[in-house]
Protein backbone atom coordinates (compact mmCIF):
# COMPACT_ATOMS: atom_id res chain seq x y z
CA MET A 1 -15.01 47.04 36.04
CA LYS A 2 -14.76 48.91 32.77
CA VAL A 3 -11.66 49.15 31.01
CA ILE A 4 -10.99 50.84 27.63
CA ILE A 5 -9.27 48.13 25.45
CA ASN A 6 -8.10 49.49 21.63
CA LYS A 7 -10.65 52.49 22.43
CA GLN A 8 -13.55 50.38 23.17
CA GLU A 9 -15.11 49.92 26.62
CA HIS A 10 -15.17 45.92 27.67
CA GLU A 11 -16.53 44.60 30.81
CA LEU A 12 -14.02 42.60 32.53
CA ALA A 13 -14.32 41.01 36.35
CA THR A 14 -12.80 42.46 39.25
CA GLY A 15 -9.44 41.80 39.95
CA ALA A 16 -8.76 41.35 36.00
CA THR A 17 -4.95 40.95 34.57
CA LEU A 18 -3.85 41.98 31.16
CA ALA A 19 -3.84 38.44 30.16
CA ASP A 20 -7.99 38.30 30.94
CA ALA A 21 -8.17 41.51 28.28
CA ILE A 22 -6.07 39.97 26.03
CA ALA A 23 -8.50 37.06 25.93
CA ALA A 24 -11.50 38.81 25.61
CA LEU A 25 -10.40 40.38 22.43
CA GLU A 26 -8.89 37.06 20.97
CA ALA A 27 -5.87 38.52 20.22
CA ARG A 28 -3.19 36.44 17.88
CA PRO A 29 0.19 36.52 18.44
CA PRO A 30 2.30 38.46 17.72
CA PHE A 31 1.17 41.74 19.14
CA ALA A 32 2.66 44.12 21.99
CA ALA A 33 0.55 45.12 25.15
CA ALA A 34 0.61 48.39 26.81
CA VAL A 35 -1.61 49.26 29.92
CA ASN A 36 -2.06 53.03 30.19
CA THR A 37 0.52 53.80 27.85
CA ALA A 38 3.51 51.31 29.78
CA PHE A 39 4.70 48.68 27.47
CA VAL A 40 3.81 45.26 29.91
CA PRO A 41 6.40 42.59 29.50
CA LYS A 42 4.65 39.16 27.73
CA THR A 43 5.86 37.67 31.04
CA GLN A 44 4.23 40.02 33.10
CA TYR A 45 0.72 39.67 31.54
CA ASP A 46 -1.03 37.20 33.90
CA LEU A 47 0.66 39.42 36.97
CA GLN A 48 -0.27 42.87 35.39
CA PRO A 49 -3.53 44.03 37.28
CA LEU A 50 -6.20 45.87 35.99
CA HIS A 51 -8.51 48.76 37.16
CA GLU A 52 -11.70 50.41 36.59
CA GLY A 53 -11.20 52.96 33.96
CA ASP A 54 -7.80 51.26 32.28
CA ARG A 55 -6.76 51.65 29.17
CA VAL A 56 -5.02 48.77 27.47
CA GLU A 57 -3.73 48.77 23.83
CA ILE A 58 -2.89 45.52 22.07
CA ILE A 59 -1.25 46.70 19.12
CA SER A 60 -0.36 43.78 15.61
CA PRO A 61 2.98 44.72 14.02
CA VAL A 62 2.05 46.18 10.40
CA THR A 63 4.58 44.79 7.42
CA GLY A 64 5.01 46.47 3.95
CA GLY A 65 6.27 49.18 2.35
């Protein structure tokens, strides 16, 4: 299935979870994740199913002044 991760289309297996999307992007902590603009707690990444066309955002904090 096709999902959008950080504004780029990715192909994931049917039944993929948010954890699979994070692995596909090789994201390194710290980061926050959202599916279709809804924040998902870290404890739910393995449980959050993805569907065709979902939009995933993986956001790293920015430091500085």
